[in-house]
Amino acid sequence: MRAMLRDMKWNSFVSLLRFFIVLGGMGIASLVYHWSALMQLLGLKPMVDEIKKDEVITLSIIGAAMLLFVLFLLLRVLSGSLQKRVKEFMAHLDEGEKEKLVWDYQNAWRGSRTIRVGTRYTFVCDDGTRIFRNRDIIWIYPWCEKTRYSQNYYLSVYLIDTEKPEQVGTKKKDSPKILEYYENNFPHMVIGCSDEADFYYKNDRNQFLNLRYYNEENRPDELFLNDK
Protein backbone atom coordinates (compact mmCIF):
# COMPACT_ATOMS: atom_id res chain seq x y z
CA MET A 1 0.00 0.00 0.00
CA ARG A 2 2.76 2.43 0.92
CA ALA A 3 4.64 1.54 -2.24
CA MET A 4 1.56 2.39 -4.30
CA LEU A 5 1.17 5.77 -2.57
CA ARG A 6 4.86 6.54 -3.10
CA ASP A 7 4.57 5.66 -6.77
CA MET A 8 1.48 7.83 -7.18
CA LYS A 9 3.29 10.70 -5.45
CA TRP A 10 6.28 10.32 -7.77
CA ASN A 11 4.05 10.28 -10.84
CA SER A 12 2.32 13.44 -9.61
CA PHE A 13 5.69 15.13 -9.18
CA VAL A 14 6.83 14.14 -12.68
CA SER A 15 3.55 15.27 -14.24
CA LEU A 16 4.01 18.71 -12.67
CA LEU A 17 7.75 18.97 -13.31
CA ARG A 18 7.38 21.00 -16.51
CA PHE A 19 5.03 23.38 -14.68
CA PHE A 20 7.58 23.77 -11.87
CA ILE A 21 10.38 24.48 -14.33
CA VAL A 22 8.46 26.96 -16.49
CA LEU A 23 6.71 28.95 -13.77
CA GLY A 24 9.63 28.75 -11.35
CA GLY A 25 12.04 29.76 -14.11
CA MET A 26 9.89 32.77 -15.02
CA GLY A 27 9.78 33.85 -11.38
CA ILE A 28 13.54 33.51 -10.92
CA ALA A 29 14.27 35.27 -14.22
CA SER A 30 12.03 38.19 -13.26
CA LEU A 31 13.73 38.59 -9.88
CA VAL A 32 17.24 38.27 -11.29
CA TYR A 33 16.53 40.76 -14.09
CA HIS A 34 15.16 43.39 -11.69
CA TRP A 35 17.36 42.58 -8.69
CA SER A 36 19.83 45.45 -9.10
CA ALA A 37 17.08 48.00 -9.64
CA LEU A 38 15.10 46.62 -6.70
CA MET A 39 18.12 46.86 -4.40
CA GLN A 40 18.60 50.48 -5.47
CA LEU A 41 14.96 51.29 -4.77
CA LEU A 42 15.23 49.72 -1.33
CA GLY A 43 18.34 51.80 -0.58
CA LEU A 44 20.58 48.74 -0.31
CA LYS A 45 22.71 49.86 -3.25
CA PRO A 46 23.72 53.32 -4.48
CA MET A 47 21.27 54.79 -7.02
CA VAL A 48 23.17 54.67 -10.32
CA ASP A 49 20.43 53.95 -12.86
CA GLU A 50 17.25 55.62 -14.00
CA ILE A 51 14.56 53.25 -12.73
CA LYS A 52 10.88 52.86 -13.56
CA LYS A 53 9.78 52.35 -9.99
CA ASP A 54 6.26 51.05 -10.56
CA GLU A 55 7.36 48.59 -13.25
CA VAL A 56 10.23 47.19 -11.21
CA ILE A 57 8.14 46.75 -8.06
CA THR A 58 5.19 45.19 -9.92
CA LEU A 59 7.28 42.71 -11.92
CA SER A 60 9.38 41.82 -8.87
CA ILE A 61 6.23 41.06 -6.85
CA ILE A 62 4.87 38.93 -9.69
CA GLY A 63 8.18 37.03 -9.95
CA ALA A 64 8.29 36.44 -6.19
CA ALA A 65 4.65 35.28 -6.19
CA MET A 66 5.36 32.80 -9.00
CA LEU A 67 8.34 31.40 -7.14
CA LEU A 68 6.50 31.12 -3.83
CA PHE A 69 3.55 29.38 -5.49
CA VAL A 70 5.87 26.82 -7.11
CA LEU A 71 7.62 26.18 -3.80
CA PHE A 72 4.25 25.83 -2.03
CA LEU A 73 2.93 23.34 -4.60
CA LEU A 74 6.21 21.41 -4.60
CA LEU A 75 6.03 21.12 -0.82
CA ARG A 76 2.46 19.83 -1.06
CA VAL A 77 3.47 17.19 -3.60
CA LEU A 78 6.49 15.98 -1.64
CA SER A 79 4.65 15.99 1.70
CA GLY A 80 1.83 13.86 0.30
CA SER A 81 -0.90 16.38 1.10
CA LEU A 82 -2.14 16.16 -2.51
CA GLN A 83 -3.05 12.54 -1.76
CA LYS A 84 -5.72 13.51 0.75
CA ARG A 85 -8.58 12.29 -1.44
CA VAL A 86 -6.84 8.98 -2.14
CA LYS A 87 -6.30 8.36 1.56
CA GLU A 88 -9.93 9.22 2.32
CA PHE A 89 -11.06 6.85 -0.43
CA MET A 90 -8.91 4.02 0.93
CA ALA A 91 -10.06 4.62 4.51
CA HIS A 92 -13.48 3.19 3.59
CA LEU A 93 -12.05 -0.06 2.18
CA ASP A 94 -11.53 -3.26 4.13
CA GLU A 95 -8.19 -5.07 4.00
CA GLY A 96 -9.29 -7.45 1.27
CA GLU A 97 -10.45 -4.62 -0.96
CA LYS A 98 -7.22 -2.70 -0.33
CA GLU A 99 -5.27 -5.70 -1.58
CA LYS A 100 -7.42 -5.77 -4.73
CA LEU A 101 -6.83 -2.04 -5.19
CA VAL A 102 -3.04 -2.40 -4.96
CA TRP A 103 -3.09 -5.34 -7.39
CA ASP A 104 -5.26 -3.30 -9.75
CA TYR A 105 -2.81 -0.38 -9.63
CA GLN A 106 0.20 -2.58 -10.26
CA ASN A 107 -1.45 -4.28 -13.25
CA ALA A 108 -3.35 -1.31 -14.64
CA TRP A 109 -3.13 -0.21 -18.25
CA ARG A 110 -1.14 3.02 -18.52
CA GLY A 111 -2.95 5.49 -20.71
CA SER A 112 -0.50 8.26 -19.85
CA ARG A 113 1.87 9.25 -17.07
CA THR A 114 -1.04 10.60 -15.04
CA ILE A 115 -3.80 8.09 -15.86
CA ARG A 116 -3.90 4.35 -15.19
CA VAL A 117 -6.97 2.23 -15.83
CA GLY A 118 -7.34 -1.06 -14.00
CA THR A 119 -10.12 -3.61 -14.15
CA ARG A 120 -11.80 -2.15 -11.06
CA TYR A 121 -10.35 1.34 -10.64
CA THR A 122 -9.04 4.35 -12.51
CA PHE A 123 -6.02 6.05 -10.93
CA VAL A 124 -5.22 9.72 -11.56
CA CYS A 125 -1.81 11.10 -10.58
CA ASP A 126 -1.80 14.84 -11.26
CA ASP A 127 -2.04 17.95 -9.06
CA GLY A 128 -4.61 16.10 -6.95
CA THR A 129 -4.30 12.31 -6.95
CA ARG A 130 -7.65 10.53 -7.15
CA ILE A 131 -9.14 7.06 -7.51
CA PHE A 132 -12.46 6.32 -9.24
CA ARG A 133 -14.34 3.03 -9.25
CA ASN A 134 -14.82 2.09 -12.87
CA ARG A 135 -18.30 0.79 -12.11
CA ASP A 136 -19.23 4.32 -10.96
CA ILE A 137 -18.11 6.09 -14.14
CA ILE A 138 -21.06 6.81 -16.40
CA TRP A 139 -19.72 9.31 -18.96
CA ILE A 140 -16.33 10.50 -20.24
CA TYR A 141 -15.55 13.03 -22.92
CA PRO A 142 -12.55 15.19 -23.90
CA TRP A 143 -12.43 18.95 -24.09
CA CYS A 144 -9.90 21.70 -24.67
CA GLU A 145 -9.40 24.93 -22.74
CA LYS A 146 -7.86 27.59 -24.95
CA THR A 147 -6.02 30.50 -23.39
CA ARG A 148 -4.05 33.31 -24.91
CA TYR A 149 -0.79 31.42 -24.59
CA SER A 150 -1.67 27.73 -24.49
CA GLN A 151 -4.19 24.95 -24.96
CA ASN A 152 -4.96 22.64 -22.05
CA TYR A 153 -6.62 19.27 -22.59
CA TYR A 154 -8.90 17.49 -20.13
CA LEU A 155 -11.20 14.53 -19.72
CA SER A 156 -14.51 15.23 -18.00
CA VAL A 157 -15.33 12.17 -15.88
CA TYR A 158 -18.93 11.87 -14.63
CA LEU A 159 -19.69 9.55 -11.71
CA ILE A 160 -22.98 7.89 -10.83
CA ASP A 161 -23.31 9.63 -7.45
CA THR A 162 -22.11 13.16 -8.30
CA GLU A 163 -23.58 16.03 -10.29
CA LYS A 164 -20.46 17.81 -11.53
CA PRO A 165 -17.68 16.00 -13.40
CA GLU A 166 -14.13 15.42 -12.28
CA GLN A 167 -11.67 17.23 -14.54
CA VAL A 168 -8.61 15.14 -15.37
CA GLY A 169 -5.71 16.78 -17.17
CA THR A 170 -4.29 14.91 -20.13
CA LYS A 171 -2.45 15.46 -23.40
CA LYS A 172 -4.02 15.83 -26.81
CA LYS A 173 -2.26 12.71 -28.12
CA ASP A 174 -3.31 10.58 -25.13
CA SER A 175 -7.05 11.36 -25.08
CA PRO A 176 -8.08 9.20 -28.09
CA LYS A 177 -6.36 6.03 -26.87
CA ILE A 178 -7.69 6.47 -23.33
CA LEU A 179 -11.24 6.89 -24.59
CA GLU A 180 -10.81 3.92 -26.92
CA TYR A 181 -9.65 1.76 -24.01
CA TYR A 182 -12.72 2.69 -21.97
CA GLU A 183 -14.96 2.08 -24.97
CA ASN A 184 -13.53 -1.39 -25.53
CA ASN A 185 -13.48 -2.52 -21.90
CA PHE A 186 -16.36 -0.79 -20.12
CA PRO A 187 -19.54 -0.87 -22.20
CA HIS A 188 -21.62 0.70 -19.41
CA MET A 189 -19.93 4.09 -19.98
CA VAL A 190 -21.02 6.75 -22.43
CA ILE A 191 -17.87 7.75 -24.30
CA GLY A 192 -17.53 11.10 -26.06
CA CYS A 193 -19.77 14.14 -26.14
CA SER A 194 -23.04 14.23 -28.07
CA ASP A 195 -26.11 16.45 -28.09
CA GLU A 196 -28.26 13.48 -27.06
CA ALA A 197 -26.13 12.59 -24.04
CA ASP A 198 -25.86 16.24 -23.00
CA PHE A 199 -29.63 16.77 -23.25
CA TYR A 200 -30.56 13.67 -21.28
CA TYR A 201 -27.92 14.27 -18.60
CA LYS A 202 -29.26 17.77 -17.96
CA ASN A 203 -32.96 16.99 -18.30
CA ASP A 204 -33.62 13.29 -17.69
CA ARG A 205 -30.96 11.45 -15.69
CA ASN A 206 -32.75 8.09 -15.85
CA GLN A 207 -32.97 8.29 -19.63
CA PHE A 208 -29.27 9.16 -19.74
CA LEU A 209 -28.44 6.09 -17.67
CA ASN A 210 -30.58 3.98 -19.99
CA LEU A 211 -28.27 4.91 -22.87
CA ARG A 212 -25.56 2.57 -21.58
CA TYR A 213 -25.47 2.16 -17.81
CA TYR A 214 -28.78 0.32 -17.40
CA ASN A 215 -28.62 -1.38 -20.79
CA GLU A 216 -29.26 -5.11 -20.38
CA GLU A 217 -26.01 -5.99 -22.18
CA ASN A 218 -23.87 -3.46 -20.31
CA ARG A 219 -25.13 -3.59 -16.73
CA PRO A 220 -22.21 -2.82 -14.37
CA ASP A 221 -23.52 -5.27 -11.77
CA GLU A 222 -22.94 -8.01 -14.34
CA LEU A 223 -19.62 -6.60 -15.57
CA PHE A 224 -18.16 -6.27 -12.07
CA LEU A 225 -19.29 -9.45 -10.34
CA ASN A 226 -15.82 -9.86 -8.82
CA ASP A 227 -15.81 -6.28 -7.55
CA LYS A 228 -18.27 -6.89 -4.74
C-alpha atoms as a PDB file:
ATOM      1  CA  MET A   1       0.000   0.000   0.000  1.00  0.00           C
ATOM      2  CA  ARG A   2       2.762   2.435   0.924  1.00  0.00           C
ATOM      3  CA  ALA A   3       4.641   1.536  -2.240  1.00  0.00           C
ATOM      4  CA  MET A   4       1.560   2.392  -4.298  1.00  0.00           C
ATOM      5  CA  LEU A   5       1.167   5.766  -2.567  1.00  0.00           C
ATOM      6  CA  ARG A   6       4.861   6.542  -3.096  1.00  0.00           C
ATOM      7  CA  ASP A   7       4.574   5.661  -6.769  1.00  0.00           C
ATOM      8  CA  MET A   8       1.475   7.834  -7.181  1.00  0.00           C
ATOM      9  CA  LYS A   9       3.290  10.701  -5.447  1.00  0.00           C
ATOM     10  CA  TRP A  10       6.277  10.320  -7.769  1.00  0.00           C
ATOM     11  CA  ASN A  11       4.046  10.279 -10.839  1.00  0.00           C
ATOM     12  CA  SER A  12       2.316  13.441  -9.607  1.00  0.00           C
ATOM     13  CA  PHE A  13       5.686  15.134  -9.178  1.00  0.00           C
ATOM     14  CA  VAL A  14       6.830  14.139 -12.676  1.00  0.00           C
ATOM     15  CA  SER A  15       3.551  15.270 -14.242  1.00  0.00           C
ATOM     16  CA  LEU A  16       4.007  18.714 -12.671  1.00  0.00           C
ATOM     17  CA  LEU A  17       7.748  18.973 -13.311  1.00  0.00           C
ATOM     18  CA  ARG A  18       7.385  21.005 -16.508  1.00  0.00           C
ATOM     19  CA  PHE A  19       5.034  23.376 -14.684  1.00  0.00           C
ATOM     20  CA  PHE A  20       7.581  23.768 -11.869  1.00  0.00           C
ATOM     21  CA  ILE A  21      10.377  24.477 -14.331  1.00  0.00           C
ATOM     22  CA  VAL A  22       8.456  26.957 -16.493  1.00  0.00           C
ATOM     23  CA  LEU A  23       6.714  28.950 -13.768  1.00  0.00           C
ATOM     24  CA  GLY A  24       9.627  28.754 -11.353  1.00  0.00           C
ATOM     25  CA  GLY A  25      12.042  29.757 -14.110  1.00  0.00           C
ATOM     26  CA  MET A  26       9.892  32.768 -15.022  1.00  0.00           C
ATOM     27  CA  GLY A  27       9.783  33.846 -11.379  1.00  0.00           C
ATOM     28  CA  ILE A  28      13.541  33.510 -10.916  1.00  0.00           C
ATOM     29  CA  ALA A  29      14.265  35.273 -14.216  1.00  0.00           C
ATOM     30  CA  SER A  30      12.033  38.192 -13.258  1.00  0.00           C
ATOM     31  CA  LEU A  31      13.729  38.594  -9.877  1.00  0.00           C
ATOM     32  CA  VAL A  32      17.241  38.274 -11.294  1.00  0.00           C
ATOM     33  CA  TYR A  33      16.533  40.760 -14.091  1.00  0.00           C
ATOM     34  CA  HIS A  34      15.162  43.392 -11.689  1.00  0.00           C
ATOM     35  CA  TRP A  35      17.363  42.584  -8.695  1.00  0.00           C
ATOM     36  CA  SER A  36      19.830  45.445  -9.100  1.00  0.00           C
ATOM     37  CA  ALA A  37      17.079  48.004  -9.640  1.00  0.00           C
ATOM     38  CA  LEU A  38      15.096  46.622  -6.697  1.00  0.00           C
ATOM     39  CA  MET A  39      18.121  46.859  -4.398  1.00  0.00           C
ATOM     40  CA  GLN A  40      18.602  50.480  -5.469  1.00  0.00           C
ATOM     41  CA  LEU A  41      14.963  51.295  -4.769  1.00  0.00           C
ATOM     42  CA  LEU A  42      15.233  49.715  -1.327  1.00  0.00           C
ATOM     43  CA  GLY A  43      18.344  51.802  -0.583  1.00  0.00           C
ATOM     44  CA  LEU A  44      20.580  48.736  -0.306  1.00  0.00           C
ATOM     45  CA  LYS A  45      22.710  49.863  -3.254  1.00  0.00           C
ATOM     46  CA  PRO A  46      23.718  53.325  -4.482  1.00  0.00           C
ATOM     47  CA  MET A  47      21.270  54.787  -7.019  1.00  0.00           C
ATOM     48  CA  VAL A  48      23.171  54.666 -10.318  1.00  0.00           C
ATOM     49  CA  ASP A  49      20.431  53.949 -12.863  1.00  0.00           C
ATOM     50  CA  GLU A  50      17.251  55.618 -14.003  1.00  0.00           C
ATOM     51  CA  ILE A  51      14.556  53.253 -12.729  1.00  0.00           C
ATOM     52  CA  LYS A  52      10.883  52.864 -13.558  1.00  0.00           C
ATOM     53  CA  LYS A  53       9.781  52.352  -9.985  1.00  0.00           C
ATOM     54  CA  ASP A  54       6.259  51.054 -10.557  1.00  0.00           C
ATOM     55  CA  GLU A  55       7.361  48.594 -13.245  1.00  0.00           C
ATOM     56  CA  VAL A  56      10.233  47.188 -11.208  1.00  0.00           C
ATOM     57  CA  ILE A  57       8.141  46.745  -8.064  1.00  0.00           C
ATOM     58  CA  THR A  58       5.188  45.193  -9.921  1.00  0.00           C
ATOM     59  CA  LEU A  59       7.281  42.713 -11.915  1.00  0.00           C
ATOM     60  CA  SER A  60       9.380  41.820  -8.866  1.00  0.00           C
ATOM     61  CA  ILE A  61       6.231  41.064  -6.848  1.00  0.00           C
ATOM     62  CA  ILE A  62       4.866  38.925  -9.687  1.00  0.00           C
ATOM     63  CA  GLY A  63       8.176  37.033  -9.950  1.00  0.00           C
ATOM     64  CA  ALA A  64       8.292  36.445  -6.195  1.00  0.00           C
ATOM     65  CA  ALA A  65       4.651  35.285  -6.187  1.00  0.00           C
ATOM     66  CA  MET A  66       5.364  32.800  -8.996  1.00  0.00           C
ATOM     67  CA  LEU A  67       8.341  31.396  -7.140  1.00  0.00           C
ATOM     68  CA  LEU A  68       6.499  31.120  -3.831  1.00  0.00           C
ATOM     69  CA  PHE A  69       3.555  29.380  -5.488  1.00  0.00           C
ATOM     70  CA  VAL A  70       5.866  26.821  -7.115  1.00  0.00           C
ATOM     71  CA  LEU A  71       7.618  26.175  -3.799  1.00  0.00           C
ATOM     72  CA  PHE A  72       4.251  25.830  -2.034  1.00  0.00           C
ATOM     73  CA  LEU A  73       2.935  23.344  -4.598  1.00  0.00           C
ATOM     74  CA  LEU A  74       6.209  21.411  -4.605  1.00  0.00           C
ATOM     75  CA  LEU A  75       6.031  21.125  -0.823  1.00  0.00           C
ATOM     76  CA  ARG A  76       2.457  19.831  -1.062  1.00  0.00           C
ATOM     77  CA  VAL A  77       3.474  17.185  -3.604  1.00  0.00           C
ATOM     78  CA  LEU A  78       6.485  15.981  -1.639  1.00  0.00           C
ATOM     79  CA  SER A  79       4.654  15.989   1.702  1.00  0.00           C
ATOM     80  CA  GLY A  80       1.834  13.864   0.295  1.00  0.00           C
ATOM     81  CA  SER A  81      -0.899  16.379   1.098  1.00  0.00           C
ATOM     82  CA  LEU A  82      -2.139  16.161  -2.509  1.00  0.00           C
ATOM     83  CA  GLN A  83      -3.046  12.539  -1.763  1.00  0.00           C
ATOM     84  CA  LYS A  84      -5.723  13.510   0.748  1.00  0.00           C
ATOM     85  CA  ARG A  85      -8.584  12.285  -1.439  1.00  0.00           C
ATOM     86  CA  VAL A  86      -6.843   8.979  -2.138  1.00  0.00           C
ATOM     87  CA  LYS A  87      -6.303   8.359   1.562  1.00  0.00           C
ATOM     88  CA  GLU A  88      -9.928   9.223   2.317  1.00  0.00           C
ATOM     89  CA  PHE A  89     -11.055   6.846  -0.430  1.00  0.00           C
ATOM     90  CA  MET A  90      -8.911   4.024   0.933  1.00  0.00           C
ATOM     91  CA  ALA A  91     -10.063   4.623   4.512  1.00  0.00           C
ATOM     92  CA  HIS A  92     -13.475   3.186   3.589  1.00  0.00           C
ATOM     93  CA  LEU A  93     -12.048  -0.064   2.178  1.00  0.00           C
ATOM     94  CA  ASP A  94     -11.532  -3.263   4.134  1.00  0.00           C
ATOM     95  CA  GLU A  95      -8.185  -5.065   4.000  1.00  0.00           C
ATOM     96  CA  GLY A  96      -9.292  -7.453   1.273  1.00  0.00           C
ATOM     97  CA  GLU A  97     -10.447  -4.616  -0.964  1.00  0.00           C
ATOM     98  CA  LYS A  98      -7.217  -2.704  -0.326  1.00  0.00           C
ATOM     99  CA  GLU A  99      -5.268  -5.704  -1.582  1.00  0.00           C
ATOM    100  CA  LYS A 100      -7.418  -5.767  -4.733  1.00  0.00           C
ATOM    101  CA  LEU A 101      -6.826  -2.040  -5.193  1.00  0.00           C
ATOM    102  CA  VAL A 102      -3.036  -2.404  -4.960  1.00  0.00           C
ATOM    103  CA  TRP A 103      -3.088  -5.336  -7.391  1.00  0.00           C
ATOM    104  CA  ASP A 104      -5.261  -3.298  -9.749  1.00  0.00           C
ATOM    105  CA  TYR A 105      -2.810  -0.384  -9.629  1.00  0.00           C
ATOM    106  CA  GLN A 106       0.203  -2.583 -10.263  1.00  0.00           C
ATOM    107  CA  ASN A 107      -1.454  -4.278 -13.246  1.00  0.00           C
ATOM    108  CA  ALA A 108      -3.352  -1.307 -14.645  1.00  0.00           C
ATOM    109  CA  TRP A 109      -3.131  -0.206 -18.254  1.00  0.00           C
ATOM    110  CA  ARG A 110      -1.141   3.020 -18.515  1.00  0.00           C
ATOM    111  CA  GLY A 111      -2.946   5.492 -20.709  1.00  0.00           C
ATOM    112  CA  SER A 112      -0.495   8.262 -19.847  1.00  0.00           C
ATOM    113  CA  ARG A 113       1.865   9.251 -17.074  1.00  0.00           C
ATOM    114  CA  THR A 114      -1.037  10.603 -15.043  1.00  0.00           C
ATOM    115  CA  ILE A 115      -3.797   8.093 -15.863  1.00  0.00           C
ATOM    116  CA  ARG A 116      -3.904   4.350 -15.190  1.00  0.00           C
ATOM    117  CA  VAL A 117      -6.967   2.234 -15.834  1.00  0.00           C
ATOM    118  CA  GLY A 118      -7.343  -1.060 -13.996  1.00  0.00           C
ATOM    119  CA  THR A 119     -10.123  -3.609 -14.154  1.00  0.00           C
ATOM    120  CA  ARG A 120     -11.802  -2.148 -11.055  1.00  0.00           C
ATOM    121  CA  TYR A 121     -10.352   1.340 -10.636  1.00  0.00           C
ATOM    122  CA  THR A 122      -9.036   4.348 -12.505  1.00  0.00           C
ATOM    123  CA  PHE A 123      -6.018   6.047 -10.927  1.00  0.00           C
ATOM    124  CA  VAL A 124      -5.221   9.717 -11.559  1.00  0.00           C
ATOM    125  CA  CYS A 125      -1.812  11.100 -10.579  1.00  0.00           C
ATOM    126  CA  ASP A 126      -1.803  14.841 -11.262  1.00  0.00           C
ATOM    127  CA  ASP A 127      -2.038  17.949  -9.057  1.00  0.00           C
ATOM    128  CA  GLY A 128      -4.614  16.104  -6.948  1.00  0.00           C
ATOM    129  CA  THR A 129      -4.301  12.309  -6.948  1.00  0.00           C
ATOM    130  CA  ARG A 130      -7.652  10.528  -7.150  1.00  0.00           C
ATOM    131  CA  ILE A 131      -9.144   7.058  -7.514  1.00  0.00           C
ATOM    132  CA  PHE A 132     -12.463   6.316  -9.243  1.00  0.00           C
ATOM    133  CA  ARG A 133     -14.345   3.028  -9.250  1.00  0.00           C
ATOM    134  CA  ASN A 134     -14.815   2.091 -12.875  1.00  0.00           C
ATOM    135  CA  ARG A 135     -18.296   0.787 -12.108  1.00  0.00           C
ATOM    136  CA  ASP A 136     -19.228   4.318 -10.957  1.00  0.00           C
ATOM    137  CA  ILE A 137     -18.110   6.088 -14.140  1.00  0.00           C
ATOM    138  CA  ILE A 138     -21.065   6.814 -16.405  1.00  0.00           C
ATOM    139  CA  TRP A 139     -19.717   9.312 -18.959  1.00  0.00           C
ATOM    140  CA  ILE A 140     -16.332  10.504 -20.235  1.00  0.00           C
ATOM    141  CA  TYR A 141     -15.554  13.027 -22.921  1.00  0.00           C
ATOM    142  CA  PRO A 142     -12.553  15.187 -23.896  1.00  0.00           C
ATOM    143  CA  TRP A 143     -12.434  18.951 -24.094  1.00  0.00           C
ATOM    144  CA  CYS A 144      -9.898  21.696 -24.666  1.00  0.00           C
ATOM    145  CA  GLU A 145      -9.397  24.931 -22.737  1.00  0.00           C
ATOM    146  CA  LYS A 146      -7.859  27.590 -24.950  1.00  0.00           C
ATOM    147  CA  THR A 147      -6.024  30.496 -23.387  1.00  0.00           C
ATOM    148  CA  ARG A 148      -4.055  33.312 -24.912  1.00  0.00           C
ATOM    149  CA  TYR A 149      -0.788  31.424 -24.594  1.00  0.00           C
ATOM    150  CA  SER A 150      -1.672  27.729 -24.490  1.00  0.00           C
ATOM    151  CA  GLN A 151      -4.190  24.955 -24.962  1.00  0.00           C
ATOM    152  CA  ASN A 152      -4.958  22.642 -22.047  1.00  0.00           C
ATOM    153  CA  TYR A 153      -6.618  19.273 -22.588  1.00  0.00           C
ATOM    154  CA  TYR A 154      -8.902  17.488 -20.129  1.00  0.00           C
ATOM    155  CA  LEU A 155     -11.203  14.532 -19.718  1.00  0.00           C
ATOM    156  CA  SER A 156     -14.511  15.227 -18.003  1.00  0.00           C
ATOM    157  CA  VAL A 157     -15.334  12.170 -15.883  1.00  0.00           C
ATOM    158  CA  TYR A 158     -18.933  11.869 -14.634  1.00  0.00           C
ATOM    159  CA  LEU A 159     -19.686   9.552 -11.708  1.00  0.00           C
ATOM    160  CA  ILE A 160     -22.980   7.890 -10.828  1.00  0.00           C
ATOM    161  CA  ASP A 161     -23.311   9.629  -7.453  1.00  0.00           C
ATOM    162  CA  THR A 162     -22.112  13.160  -8.296  1.00  0.00           C
ATOM    163  CA  GLU A 163     -23.578  16.027 -10.287  1.00  0.00           C
ATOM    164  CA  LYS A 164     -20.465  17.806 -11.531  1.00  0.00           C
ATOM    165  CA  PRO A 165     -17.681  15.998 -13.402  1.00  0.00           C
ATOM    166  CA  GLU A 166     -14.127  15.421 -12.278  1.00  0.00           C
ATOM    167  CA  GLN A 167     -11.669  17.229 -14.542  1.00  0.00           C
ATOM    168  CA  VAL A 168      -8.614  15.135 -15.369  1.00  0.00           C
ATOM    169  CA  GLY A 169      -5.714  16.780 -17.171  1.00  0.00           C
ATOM    170  CA  THR A 170      -4.290  14.914 -20.131  1.00  0.00           C
ATOM    171  CA  LYS A 171      -2.446  15.459 -23.402  1.00  0.00           C
ATOM    172  CA  LYS A 172      -4.024  15.830 -26.811  1.00  0.00           C
ATOM    173  CA  LYS A 173      -2.262  12.714 -28.123  1.00  0.00           C
ATOM    174  CA  ASP A 174      -3.311  10.583 -25.126  1.00  0.00           C
ATOM    175  CA  SER A 175      -7.049  11.357 -25.081  1.00  0.00           C
ATOM    176  CA  PRO A 176      -8.080   9.195 -28.089  1.00  0.00           C
ATOM    177  CA  LYS A 177      -6.356   6.027 -26.869  1.00  0.00           C
ATOM    178  CA  ILE A 178      -7.691   6.467 -23.325  1.00  0.00           C
ATOM    179  CA  LEU A 179     -11.243   6.893 -24.595  1.00  0.00           C
ATOM    180  CA  GLU A 180     -10.809   3.922 -26.919  1.00  0.00           C
ATOM    181  CA  TYR A 181      -9.647   1.762 -24.008  1.00  0.00           C
ATOM    182  CA  TYR A 182     -12.719   2.693 -21.966  1.00  0.00           C
ATOM    183  CA  GLU A 183     -14.959   2.079 -24.972  1.00  0.00           C
ATOM    184  CA  ASN A 184     -13.526  -1.391 -25.527  1.00  0.00           C
ATOM    185  CA  ASN A 185     -13.482  -2.520 -21.904  1.00  0.00           C
ATOM    186  CA  PHE A 186     -16.357  -0.790 -20.115  1.00  0.00           C
ATOM    187  CA  PRO A 187     -19.539  -0.871 -22.197  1.00  0.00           C
ATOM    188  CA  HIS A 188     -21.625   0.698 -19.407  1.00  0.00           C
ATOM    189  CA  MET A 189     -19.927   4.085 -19.985  1.00  0.00           C
ATOM    190  CA  VAL A 190     -21.024   6.749 -22.434  1.00  0.00           C
ATOM    191  CA  ILE A 191     -17.867   7.753 -24.305  1.00  0.00           C
ATOM    192  CA  GLY A 192     -17.532  11.103 -26.058  1.00  0.00           C
ATOM    193  CA  CYS A 193     -19.773  14.144 -26.139  1.00  0.00           C
ATOM    194  CA  SER A 194     -23.035  14.228 -28.066  1.00  0.00           C
ATOM    195  CA  ASP A 195     -26.106  16.449 -28.093  1.00  0.00           C
ATOM    196  CA  GLU A 196     -28.256  13.479 -27.059  1.00  0.00           C
ATOM    197  CA  ALA A 197     -26.129  12.589 -24.042  1.00  0.00           C
ATOM    198  CA  ASP A 198     -25.863  16.242 -22.996  1.00  0.00           C
ATOM    199  CA  PHE A 199     -29.633  16.772 -23.246  1.00  0.00           C
ATOM    200  CA  TYR A 200     -30.562  13.665 -21.277  1.00  0.00           C
ATOM    201  CA  TYR A 201     -27.916  14.273 -18.600  1.00  0.00           C
ATOM    202  CA  LYS A 202     -29.262  17.768 -17.957  1.00  0.00           C
ATOM    203  CA  ASN A 203     -32.964  16.991 -18.297  1.00  0.00           C
ATOM    204  CA  ASP A 204     -33.618  13.293 -17.688  1.00  0.00           C
ATOM    205  CA  ARG A 205     -30.963  11.453 -15.694  1.00  0.00           C
ATOM    206  CA  ASN A 206     -32.752   8.092 -15.850  1.00  0.00           C
ATOM    207  CA  GLN A 207     -32.972   8.292 -19.627  1.00  0.00           C
ATOM    208  CA  PHE A 208     -29.271   9.164 -19.740  1.00  0.00           C
ATOM    209  CA  LEU A 209     -28.438   6.091 -17.665  1.00  0.00           C
ATOM    210  CA  ASN A 210     -30.575   3.978 -19.994  1.00  0.00           C
ATOM    211  CA  LEU A 211     -28.275   4.913 -22.875  1.00  0.00           C
ATOM    212  CA  ARG A 212     -25.561   2.574 -21.583  1.00  0.00           C
ATOM    213  CA  TYR A 213     -25.465   2.159 -17.807  1.00  0.00           C
ATOM    214  CA  TYR A 214     -28.783   0.321 -17.400  1.00  0.00           C
ATOM    215  CA  ASN A 215     -28.623  -1.375 -20.792  1.00  0.00           C
ATOM    216  CA  GLU A 216     -29.260  -5.111 -20.378  1.00  0.00           C
ATOM    217  CA  GLU A 217     -26.015  -5.985 -22.183  1.00  0.00           C
ATOM    218  CA  ASN A 218     -23.871  -3.460 -20.312  1.00  0.00           C
ATOM    219  CA  ARG A 219     -25.131  -3.586 -16.728  1.00  0.00           C
ATOM    220  CA  PRO A 220     -22.209  -2.817 -14.374  1.00  0.00           C
ATOM    221  CA  ASP A 221     -23.521  -5.269 -11.771  1.00  0.00           C
ATOM    222  CA  GLU A 222     -22.937  -8.012 -14.345  1.00  0.00           C
ATOM    223  CA  LEU A 223     -19.623  -6.601 -15.574  1.00  0.00           C
ATOM    224  CA  PHE A 224     -18.156  -6.269 -12.068  1.00  0.00           C
ATOM    225  CA  LEU A 225     -19.286  -9.447 -10.340  1.00  0.00           C
ATOM    226  CA  ASN A 226     -15.824  -9.860  -8.816  1.00  0.00           C
ATOM    227  CA  ASP A 227     -15.812  -6.282  -7.551  1.00  0.00           C
ATOM    228  CA  LYS A 228     -18.271  -6.891  -4.741  1.00  0.00           C
END
